[in-house]
Amino acid sequence: MHYLIGDLQGCCDAFERLLATIGFSPSRDRLHLLGDLVNRGPASLATLQRLVGLGDAASCLLGNHDLHLLAVAVGARKPHRGDTFGDVLASPKRAALLDWLRHRKLADQAEGWLLVHAGVVPQWDAAQTLALAQEVQSVLAGPDMADFLRVMYGNDPARWDDGLSGVRRWRMVLNVLTRIRYCTPEGVLEFDTKDGSGIAPAGHLAWFDVPERRTAGVPIAFGHWSTLGLKNRPDLLALDTGCVWGGSLTAVRVDGGRREVVQVGCAQAQVPG
């Protein structure tokens, strides 16, 4: 059985209740977590330890909060006031956990679904999405990770070009895979809308509503956008259902063409604002 699971953000108790609800068996089931494994919730350390302990039964994507943890850990970024991953940084197992985290994927496939944390730009098809993700994964897993994390942040470039190279290319890939919400029909990213309310800024569309995007017809599952809630349409699953905000944690069983939604309610760990 294959389950796609939305953003945990350190809500380990909710994760355990979700596993109990689906009757999870590590010898039978495979979990595919869509990123933002840590931060804002109360138990980032316990969440990482649980995921590591699941071994091959769980595959996890990197989200923007996971990248933020890596950046803080190497001194490339200062912690934010609301960060809750100090338990990871203070753990005697810190080095092993962070090494595990930096080797997670940025895009994946499972049971015919393309899996990303945030989304894709209209210029990419599924094969290019996976290839670009692997390109940046190799940087994060390699000896130059810390150097890259120091220049990872920024909104330039805002539009994909196959001729991009080096840091600007990798930054663009990460911005798409872990930050995108809105873009123009030409694929120019929009970074100013912070609340992600689902109301597109003028001249922009939610990335999945762009006409003639090259991934049209490819089933895509993503997290990241909690204010969308559960979006369940034939070619799309939005699975960040706001666990950390007191919403729910969502899993969808997708093997054999299924679309079985399972949710558990979550204790509110953060107040929007």
C-alpha atoms as a PDB file:
ATOM      1  CA  MET A   1       0.000   0.000   0.000  1.00  0.00           C
ATOM      2  CA  HIS A   2       1.358   3.417  -0.969  1.00  0.00           C
ATOM      3  CA  TYR A   3       0.340   6.530   0.966  1.00  0.00           C
ATOM      4  CA  LEU A   4       1.091  10.149   0.070  1.00  0.00           C
ATOM      5  CA  ILE A   5       1.311  12.326   3.187  1.00  0.00           C
ATOM      6  CA  GLY A   6       1.241  16.112   3.586  1.00  0.00           C
ATOM      7  CA  ASP A   7       3.435  18.426   5.646  1.00  0.00           C
ATOM      8  CA  LEU A   8       4.326  17.134   9.134  1.00  0.00           C
ATOM      9  CA  GLN A   9       6.242  20.210  10.362  1.00  0.00           C
ATOM     10  CA  GLY A  10       7.354  18.478  13.528  1.00  0.00           C
ATOM     11  CA  CYS A  11       3.899  17.241  14.554  1.00  0.00           C
ATOM     12  CA  CYS A  12       5.047  13.776  15.541  1.00  0.00           C
ATOM     13  CA  ASP A  13       1.999  12.898  17.680  1.00  0.00           C
ATOM     14  CA  ALA A  14      -0.334  13.547  14.752  1.00  0.00           C
ATOM     15  CA  PHE A  15       1.908  11.446  12.517  1.00  0.00           C
ATOM     16  CA  GLU A  16       1.738   8.543  14.947  1.00  0.00           C
ATOM     17  CA  ARG A  17      -2.050   8.792  15.098  1.00  0.00           C
ATOM     18  CA  LEU A  18      -2.219   8.858  11.307  1.00  0.00           C
ATOM     19  CA  LEU A  19      -0.076   5.727  11.102  1.00  0.00           C
ATOM     20  CA  ALA A  20      -2.323   4.011  13.623  1.00  0.00           C
ATOM     21  CA  THR A  21      -5.423   5.062  11.695  1.00  0.00           C
ATOM     22  CA  ILE A  22      -4.183   3.557   8.424  1.00  0.00           C
ATOM     23  CA  GLY A  23      -2.896   0.464  10.230  1.00  0.00           C
ATOM     24  CA  PHE A  24       0.623   1.109   8.984  1.00  0.00           C
ATOM     25  CA  SER A  25       2.904  -1.897   8.603  1.00  0.00           C
ATOM     26  CA  PRO A  26       6.538  -1.182   7.657  1.00  0.00           C
ATOM     27  CA  SER A  27       6.833  -4.576   5.983  1.00  0.00           C
ATOM     28  CA  ARG A  28       3.818  -3.927   3.752  1.00  0.00           C
ATOM     29  CA  ASP A  29       3.305  -0.190   3.302  1.00  0.00           C
ATOM     30  CA  ARG A  30       5.278   2.631   1.726  1.00  0.00           C
ATOM     31  CA  LEU A  31       4.927   6.229   2.870  1.00  0.00           C
ATOM     32  CA  HIS A  32       5.749   9.172   0.598  1.00  0.00           C
ATOM     33  CA  LEU A  33       6.076  12.412   2.586  1.00  0.00           C
ATOM     34  CA  LEU A  34       5.889  15.625   0.599  1.00  0.00           C
ATOM     35  CA  GLY A  35       8.352  17.798   2.538  1.00  0.00           C
ATOM     36  CA  ASP A  36       8.401  20.253   5.432  1.00  0.00           C
ATOM     37  CA  LEU A  37       9.148  17.440   7.804  1.00  0.00           C
ATOM     38  CA  VAL A  38      10.251  19.832  10.560  1.00  0.00           C
ATOM     39  CA  ASN A  39       9.727  23.271  12.106  1.00  0.00           C
ATOM     40  CA  ARG A  40       6.854  25.212  13.654  1.00  0.00           C
ATOM     41  CA  GLY A  41       5.511  22.060  15.299  1.00  0.00           C
ATOM     42  CA  PRO A  42       6.519  20.867  18.785  1.00  0.00           C
ATOM     43  CA  ALA A  43       8.668  17.825  18.008  1.00  0.00           C
ATOM     44  CA  SER A  44      11.065  18.246  15.097  1.00  0.00           C
ATOM     45  CA  LEU A  45      13.656  15.946  16.657  1.00  0.00           C
ATOM     46  CA  ALA A  46      11.191  13.150  17.372  1.00  0.00           C
ATOM     47  CA  THR A  47       9.772  13.478  13.871  1.00  0.00           C
ATOM     48  CA  LEU A  48      13.166  13.123  12.199  1.00  0.00           C
ATOM     49  CA  GLN A  49      14.107  10.209  14.421  1.00  0.00           C
ATOM     50  CA  ARG A  50      10.844   8.450  13.600  1.00  0.00           C
ATOM     51  CA  LEU A  51      11.298   8.965   9.866  1.00  0.00           C
ATOM     52  CA  VAL A  52      14.903   7.767   9.939  1.00  0.00           C
ATOM     53  CA  GLY A  53      13.777   4.708  11.865  1.00  0.00           C
ATOM     54  CA  LEU A  54      11.264   3.801   9.173  1.00  0.00           C
ATOM     55  CA  GLY A  55      14.082   3.114   6.727  1.00  0.00           C
ATOM     56  CA  ASP A  56      12.925   2.113   3.259  1.00  0.00           C
ATOM     57  CA  ALA A  57       9.277   2.192   4.336  1.00  0.00           C
ATOM     58  CA  ALA A  58       9.314   6.008   4.057  1.00  0.00           C
ATOM     59  CA  SER A  59      10.606   8.294   1.328  1.00  0.00           C
ATOM     60  CA  CYS A  60      10.727  11.980   2.181  1.00  0.00           C
ATOM     61  CA  LEU A  61      11.029  15.110   0.084  1.00  0.00           C
ATOM     62  CA  LEU A  62      12.795  18.267   1.166  1.00  0.00           C
ATOM     63  CA  GLY A  63      10.609  21.306   1.781  1.00  0.00           C
ATOM     64  CA  ASN A  64      11.531  24.921   2.418  1.00  0.00           C
ATOM     65  CA  HIS A  65      11.506  24.421   6.206  1.00  0.00           C
ATOM     66  CA  ASP A  66      13.868  21.467   5.912  1.00  0.00           C
ATOM     67  CA  LEU A  67      16.249  23.529   3.783  1.00  0.00           C
ATOM     68  CA  HIS A  68      16.017  26.323   6.351  1.00  0.00           C
ATOM     69  CA  LEU A  69      17.115  23.914   9.075  1.00  0.00           C
ATOM     70  CA  LEU A  70      20.119  22.852   6.998  1.00  0.00           C
ATOM     71  CA  ALA A  71      21.022  26.486   6.317  1.00  0.00           C
ATOM     72  CA  VAL A  72      20.828  27.419  10.001  1.00  0.00           C
ATOM     73  CA  ALA A  73      22.853  24.359  10.960  1.00  0.00           C
ATOM     74  CA  VAL A  74      25.803  25.392   8.772  1.00  0.00           C
ATOM     75  CA  GLY A  75      25.598  29.056   9.779  1.00  0.00           C
ATOM     76  CA  ALA A  76      24.305  30.205   6.404  1.00  0.00           C
ATOM     77  CA  ARG A  77      21.071  31.579   7.867  1.00  0.00           C
ATOM     78  CA  LYS A  78      20.027  32.997  11.212  1.00  0.00           C
ATOM     79  CA  PRO A  79      17.167  31.252  13.018  1.00  0.00           C
ATOM     80  CA  HIS A  80      13.731  32.840  12.765  1.00  0.00           C
ATOM     81  CA  ARG A  81      11.831  33.779  15.903  1.00  0.00           C
ATOM     82  CA  GLY A  82       9.231  31.064  15.279  1.00  0.00           C
ATOM     83  CA  ASP A  83      11.661  28.220  14.528  1.00  0.00           C
ATOM     84  CA  THR A  84      11.166  25.093  16.619  1.00  0.00           C
ATOM     85  CA  PHE A  85      14.021  22.862  15.503  1.00  0.00           C
ATOM     86  CA  GLY A  86      16.399  23.748  18.333  1.00  0.00           C
ATOM     87  CA  ASP A  87      15.963  20.212  19.639  1.00  0.00           C
ATOM     88  CA  VAL A  88      17.530  18.890  16.433  1.00  0.00           C
ATOM     89  CA  LEU A  89      20.466  21.299  16.631  1.00  0.00           C
ATOM     90  CA  ALA A  90      21.067  20.418  20.297  1.00  0.00           C
ATOM     91  CA  SER A  91      20.805  16.661  19.808  1.00  0.00           C
ATOM     92  CA  PRO A  92      23.885  14.474  20.192  1.00  0.00           C
ATOM     93  CA  LYS A  93      22.681  12.827  16.966  1.00  0.00           C
ATOM     94  CA  ARG A  94      22.594  16.160  15.162  1.00  0.00           C
ATOM     95  CA  ALA A  95      25.278  15.304  12.588  1.00  0.00           C
ATOM     96  CA  ALA A  96      23.693  12.009  11.576  1.00  0.00           C
ATOM     97  CA  LEU A  97      20.188  13.473  11.368  1.00  0.00           C
ATOM     98  CA  LEU A  98      21.269  16.440   9.259  1.00  0.00           C
ATOM     99  CA  ASP A  99      23.274  14.170   6.983  1.00  0.00           C
ATOM    100  CA  TRP A 100      20.187  12.013   6.495  1.00  0.00           C
ATOM    101  CA  LEU A 101      18.089  15.108   5.800  1.00  0.00           C
ATOM    102  CA  ARG A 102      20.406  16.549   3.156  1.00  0.00           C
ATOM    103  CA  HIS A 103      20.228  13.309   1.198  1.00  0.00           C
ATOM    104  CA  ARG A 104      16.440  13.477   0.767  1.00  0.00           C
ATOM    105  CA  LYS A 105      14.986  14.069  -2.688  1.00  0.00           C
ATOM    106  CA  LEU A 106      13.453  17.232  -4.128  1.00  0.00           C
ATOM    107  CA  ALA A 107      11.080  15.369  -6.456  1.00  0.00           C
ATOM    108  CA  ASP A 108      10.018  11.778  -6.800  1.00  0.00           C
ATOM    109  CA  GLN A 109       7.547   9.421  -8.448  1.00  0.00           C
ATOM    110  CA  ALA A 110       5.201   6.871  -6.912  1.00  0.00           C
ATOM    111  CA  GLU A 111       2.363   4.854  -8.394  1.00  0.00           C
ATOM    112  CA  GLY A 112       2.119   7.127 -11.429  1.00  0.00           C
ATOM    113  CA  TRP A 113       2.241  10.353  -9.391  1.00  0.00           C
ATOM    114  CA  LEU A 114       4.854  13.094  -9.676  1.00  0.00           C
ATOM    115  CA  LEU A 115       5.687  14.209  -6.133  1.00  0.00           C
ATOM    116  CA  VAL A 116       6.997  17.687  -5.280  1.00  0.00           C
ATOM    117  CA  HIS A 117       6.853  19.885  -2.220  1.00  0.00           C
ATOM    118  CA  ALA A 118       5.463  23.062  -3.812  1.00  0.00           C
ATOM    119  CA  GLY A 119       4.930  22.709  -7.558  1.00  0.00           C
ATOM    120  CA  VAL A 120       6.420  23.072 -11.035  1.00  0.00           C
ATOM    121  CA  VAL A 121       6.702  25.818 -13.633  1.00  0.00           C
ATOM    122  CA  PRO A 122       4.805  25.495 -16.928  1.00  0.00           C
ATOM    123  CA  GLN A 123       8.033  25.072 -18.934  1.00  0.00           C
ATOM    124  CA  TRP A 124       8.935  21.765 -17.244  1.00  0.00           C
ATOM    125  CA  ASP A 125       7.591  18.341 -18.061  1.00  0.00           C
ATOM    126  CA  ALA A 126       7.812  15.502 -15.554  1.00  0.00           C
ATOM    127  CA  ALA A 127      11.135  14.181 -16.854  1.00  0.00           C
ATOM    128  CA  GLN A 128      12.804  17.594 -16.670  1.00  0.00           C
ATOM    129  CA  THR A 129      11.398  18.175 -13.198  1.00  0.00           C
ATOM    130  CA  LEU A 130      12.960  14.962 -11.935  1.00  0.00           C
ATOM    131  CA  ALA A 131      16.265  15.623 -13.711  1.00  0.00           C
ATOM    132  CA  LEU A 132      16.602  19.146 -12.327  1.00  0.00           C
ATOM    133  CA  ALA A 133      15.671  17.953  -8.865  1.00  0.00           C
ATOM    134  CA  GLN A 134      18.409  15.330  -9.053  1.00  0.00           C
ATOM    135  CA  GLU A 135      20.904  17.960 -10.186  1.00  0.00           C
ATOM    136  CA  VAL A 136      20.317  20.079  -7.080  1.00  0.00           C
ATOM    137  CA  GLN A 137      20.049  17.032  -4.827  1.00  0.00           C
ATOM    138  CA  SER A 138      23.605  16.169  -5.864  1.00  0.00           C
ATOM    139  CA  VAL A 139      24.784  19.603  -4.740  1.00  0.00           C
ATOM    140  CA  LEU A 140      23.036  19.296  -1.372  1.00  0.00           C
ATOM    141  CA  ALA A 141      24.435  15.816  -0.838  1.00  0.00           C
ATOM    142  CA  GLY A 142      27.946  16.787  -1.896  1.00  0.00           C
ATOM    143  CA  PRO A 143      30.939  18.566  -0.347  1.00  0.00           C
ATOM    144  CA  ASP A 144      29.803  22.018  -1.498  1.00  0.00           C
ATOM    145  CA  MET A 145      26.470  21.992   0.326  1.00  0.00           C
ATOM    146  CA  ALA A 146      27.392  24.666   2.877  1.00  0.00           C
ATOM    147  CA  ASP A 147      28.725  27.025   0.216  1.00  0.00           C
ATOM    148  CA  PHE A 148      25.537  26.660  -1.787  1.00  0.00           C
ATOM    149  CA  LEU A 149      23.276  27.158   1.232  1.00  0.00           C
ATOM    150  CA  ARG A 150      24.937  30.529   1.813  1.00  0.00           C
ATOM    151  CA  VAL A 151      23.761  31.739  -1.606  1.00  0.00           C
ATOM    152  CA  MET A 152      20.580  29.672  -1.868  1.00  0.00           C
ATOM    153  CA  TYR A 153      18.154  32.423  -0.874  1.00  0.00           C
ATOM    154  CA  GLY A 154      16.923  35.048  -3.283  1.00  0.00           C
ATOM    155  CA  ASN A 155      14.226  35.715  -5.861  1.00  0.00           C
ATOM    156  CA  ASP A 156      16.503  35.998  -8.888  1.00  0.00           C
ATOM    157  CA  PRO A 157      15.973  34.594 -11.434  1.00  0.00           C
ATOM    158  CA  ALA A 158      12.187  34.630 -11.471  1.00  0.00           C
ATOM    159  CA  ARG A 159      11.715  32.803 -14.770  1.00  0.00           C
ATOM    160  CA  TRP A 160      13.172  29.520 -15.917  1.00  0.00           C
ATOM    161  CA  ASP A 161      15.615  29.443 -18.812  1.00  0.00           C
ATOM    162  CA  ASP A 162      17.348  26.258 -19.965  1.00  0.00           C
ATOM    163  CA  GLY A 163      20.527  28.298 -20.306  1.00  0.00           C
ATOM    164  CA  LEU A 164      20.756  29.075 -16.605  1.00  0.00           C
ATOM    165  CA  SER A 165      23.866  27.675 -14.939  1.00  0.00           C
ATOM    166  CA  GLY A 166      25.520  27.361 -11.561  1.00  0.00           C
ATOM    167  CA  VAL A 167      24.046  29.006  -8.481  1.00  0.00           C
ATOM    168  CA  ARG A 168      21.306  30.900 -10.362  1.00  0.00           C
ATOM    169  CA  ARG A 169      20.137  27.678 -11.990  1.00  0.00           C
ATOM    170  CA  TRP A 170      20.078  25.746  -8.699  1.00  0.00           C
ATOM    171  CA  ARG A 171      18.381  28.593  -6.841  1.00  0.00           C
ATOM    172  CA  MET A 172      15.658  28.750  -9.487  1.00  0.00           C
ATOM    173  CA  VAL A 173      15.081  25.009  -9.241  1.00  0.00           C
ATOM    174  CA  LEU A 174      14.761  25.194  -5.465  1.00  0.00           C
ATOM    175  CA  ASN A 175      12.452  28.193  -5.626  1.00  0.00           C
ATOM    176  CA  VAL A 176      10.165  26.297  -7.958  1.00  0.00           C
ATOM    177  CA  LEU A 177      10.172  22.988  -6.131  1.00  0.00           C
ATOM    178  CA  THR A 178       9.908  24.371  -2.596  1.00  0.00           C
ATOM    179  CA  ARG A 179       8.341  27.861  -2.832  1.00  0.00           C
ATOM    180  CA  ILE A 180       6.110  28.271  -5.873  1.00  0.00           C
ATOM    181  CA  ARG A 181       2.450  29.183  -5.488  1.00  0.00           C
ATOM    182  CA  TYR A 182       1.656  31.681  -8.241  1.00  0.00           C
ATOM    183  CA  CYS A 183       3.233  32.449 -11.567  1.00  0.00           C
ATOM    184  CA  THR A 184       2.323  34.175 -14.822  1.00  0.00           C
ATOM    185  CA  PRO A 185       1.215  32.079 -17.805  1.00  0.00           C
ATOM    186  CA  GLU A 186       4.800  32.513 -19.051  1.00  0.00           C
ATOM    187  CA  GLY A 187       6.162  31.005 -15.832  1.00  0.00           C
ATOM    188  CA  VAL A 188       7.427  34.121 -14.013  1.00  0.00           C
ATOM    189  CA  LEU A 189       7.313  33.363 -10.285  1.00  0.00           C
ATOM    190  CA  GLU A 190       5.511  35.683  -7.867  1.00  0.00           C
ATOM    191  CA  PHE A 191       7.158  36.012  -4.454  1.00  0.00           C
ATOM    192  CA  ASP A 192       5.294  38.909  -2.811  1.00  0.00           C
ATOM    193  CA  THR A 193       2.066  37.142  -1.866  1.00  0.00           C
ATOM    194  CA  LYS A 194       2.879  35.690   1.524  1.00  0.00           C
ATOM    195  CA  ASP A 195      -0.403  34.379   2.850  1.00  0.00           C
ATOM    196  CA  GLY A 196      -1.097  32.003  -0.005  1.00  0.00           C
ATOM    197  CA  SER A 197      -4.811  32.650   0.318  1.00  0.00           C
ATOM    198  CA  GLY A 198      -5.670  31.034  -3.002  1.00  0.00           C
ATOM    199  CA  ILE A 199      -6.605  34.416  -4.506  1.00  0.00           C
ATOM    200  CA  ALA A 200      -4.150  35.008  -7.313  1.00  0.00           C
ATOM    201  CA  PRO A 201      -2.433  38.386  -7.714  1.00  0.00           C
ATOM    202  CA  ALA A 202      -3.304  40.279 -10.891  1.00  0.00           C
ATOM    203  CA  GLY A 203      -1.788  38.681 -13.971  1.00  0.00           C
ATOM    204  CA  HIS A 204      -0.943  35.452 -12.144  1.00  0.00           C
ATOM    205  CA  LEU A 205      -2.411  32.009 -11.675  1.00  0.00           C
ATOM    206  CA  ALA A 206      -1.905  29.196  -9.244  1.00  0.00           C
ATOM    207  CA  TRP A 207       0.870  27.194 -10.882  1.00  0.00           C
ATOM    208  CA  PHE A 208      -1.429  24.208 -11.434  1.00  0.00           C
ATOM    209  CA  ASP A 209      -4.008  26.325 -13.274  1.00  0.00           C
ATOM    210  CA  VAL A 210      -1.634  27.644 -15.943  1.00  0.00           C
ATOM    211  CA  PRO A 211      -3.045  26.666 -19.347  1.00  0.00           C
ATOM    212  CA  GLU A 212      -0.942  24.292 -21.424  1.00  0.00           C
ATOM    213  CA  ARG A 213       1.681  23.668 -18.755  1.00  0.00           C
ATOM    214  CA  ARG A 214       3.883  20.794 -19.882  1.00  0.00           C
ATOM    215  CA  THR A 215       2.884  18.635 -16.905  1.00  0.00           C
ATOM    216  CA  ALA A 216      -0.805  18.862 -17.840  1.00  0.00           C
ATOM    217  CA  GLY A 217      -2.282  15.399 -17.564  1.00  0.00           C
ATOM    218  CA  VAL A 218       0.465  14.184 -15.230  1.00  0.00           C
ATOM    219  CA  PRO A 219      -0.943  13.452 -11.760  1.00  0.00           C
ATOM    220  CA  ILE A 220       0.951  15.691  -9.308  1.00  0.00           C
ATOM    221  CA  ALA A 221       0.862  15.630  -5.506  1.00  0.00           C
ATOM    222  CA  PHE A 222       2.270  18.488  -3.452  1.00  0.00           C
ATOM    223  CA  GLY A 223       2.159  20.104  -0.019  1.00  0.00           C
ATOM    224  CA  HIS A 224       3.377  23.563   1.045  1.00  0.00           C
ATOM    225  CA  TRP A 225       0.124  25.502   0.543  1.00  0.00           C
ATOM    226  CA  SER A 226      -1.927  24.973   3.699  1.00  0.00           C
ATOM    227  CA  THR A 227      -4.556  27.607   2.942  1.00  0.00           C
ATOM    228  CA  LEU A 228      -5.675  25.623  -0.084  1.00  0.00           C
ATOM    229  CA  GLY A 229      -6.770  22.789   2.145  1.00  0.00           C
ATOM    230  CA  LEU A 230      -7.284  19.406   0.564  1.00  0.00           C
ATOM    231  CA  LYS A 231      -7.511  19.760  -3.206  1.00  0.00           C
ATOM    232  CA  ASN A 232      -8.487  16.473  -4.781  1.00  0.00           C
ATOM    233  CA  ARG A 233      -8.995  16.446  -8.523  1.00  0.00           C
ATOM    234  CA  PRO A 234      -8.129  13.837 -11.148  1.00  0.00           C
ATOM    235  CA  ASP A 235      -4.679  15.256 -11.935  1.00  0.00           C
ATOM    236  CA  LEU A 236      -3.865  16.908  -8.617  1.00  0.00           C
ATOM    237  CA  LEU A 237      -3.594  16.322  -4.880  1.00  0.00           C
ATOM    238  CA  ALA A 238      -2.811  19.238  -2.556  1.00  0.00           C
ATOM    239  CA  LEU A 239      -2.047  17.623   0.795  1.00  0.00           C
ATOM    240  CA  ASP A 240      -0.871  20.318   3.201  1.00  0.00           C
ATOM    241  CA  THR A 241      -4.032  20.538   5.272  1.00  0.00           C
ATOM    242  CA  GLY A 242      -2.603  22.738   8.011  1.00  0.00           C
ATOM    243  CA  CYS A 243      -1.695  20.239  10.712  1.00  0.00           C
ATOM    244  CA  VAL A 244       0.582  22.698  12.501  1.00  0.00           C
ATOM    245  CA  TRP A 245      -2.197  25.337  12.466  1.00  0.00           C
ATOM    246  CA  GLY A 246      -4.720  23.033  14.118  1.00  0.00           C
ATOM    247  CA  GLY A 247      -6.080  21.580  10.881  1.00  0.00           C
ATOM    248  CA  SER A 248      -5.549  17.973   9.911  1.00  0.00           C
ATOM    249  CA  LEU A 249      -2.819  15.652   8.717  1.00  0.00           C
ATOM    250  CA  THR A 250      -3.737  13.927   5.479  1.00  0.00           C
ATOM    251  CA  ALA A 251      -2.711  10.684   3.824  1.00  0.00           C
ATOM    252  CA  VAL A 252      -4.036   9.402   0.509  1.00  0.00           C
ATOM    253  CA  ARG A 253      -3.648   5.796  -0.557  1.00  0.00           C
ATOM    254  CA  VAL A 254      -2.863   5.749  -4.272  1.00  0.00           C
ATOM    255  CA  ASP A 255      -1.747   2.248  -5.208  1.00  0.00           C
ATOM    256  CA  GLY A 256      -3.734   0.444  -7.859  1.00  0.00           C
ATOM    257  CA  GLY A 257      -5.416   3.645  -9.005  1.00  0.00           C
ATOM    258  CA  ARG A 258      -7.012   4.238  -5.619  1.00  0.00           C
ATOM    259  CA  ARG A 259      -7.788   7.650  -4.120  1.00  0.00           C
ATOM    260  CA  GLU A 260      -8.554   6.844  -0.476  1.00  0.00           C
ATOM    261  CA  VAL A 261      -8.263   9.880   1.814  1.00  0.00           C
ATOM    262  CA  VAL A 262      -7.469   9.448   5.519  1.00  0.00           C
ATOM    263  CA  GLN A 263      -7.218  12.401   7.908  1.00  0.00           C
ATOM    264  CA  VAL A 264      -6.582  12.925  11.607  1.00  0.00           C
ATOM    265  CA  GLY A 265      -7.213  16.147  13.506  1.00  0.00           C
ATOM    266  CA  CYS A 266      -4.223  18.031  14.876  1.00  0.00           C
ATOM    267  CA  ALA A 267      -3.589  20.072  17.995  1.00  0.00           C
ATOM    268  CA  GLN A 268      -2.818  23.690  17.100  1.00  0.00           C
ATOM    269  CA  ALA A 269       0.894  24.375  17.469  1.00  0.00           C
ATOM    270  CA  GLN A 270       1.030  27.778  15.764  1.00  0.00           C
ATOM    271  CA  VAL A 271      -1.343  30.747  15.498  1.00  0.00           C
ATOM    272  CA  PRO A 272      -1.496  32.369  12.045  1.00  0.00           C
ATOM    273  CA  GLY A 273      -0.370  35.956  11.955  1.00  0.00           C
END
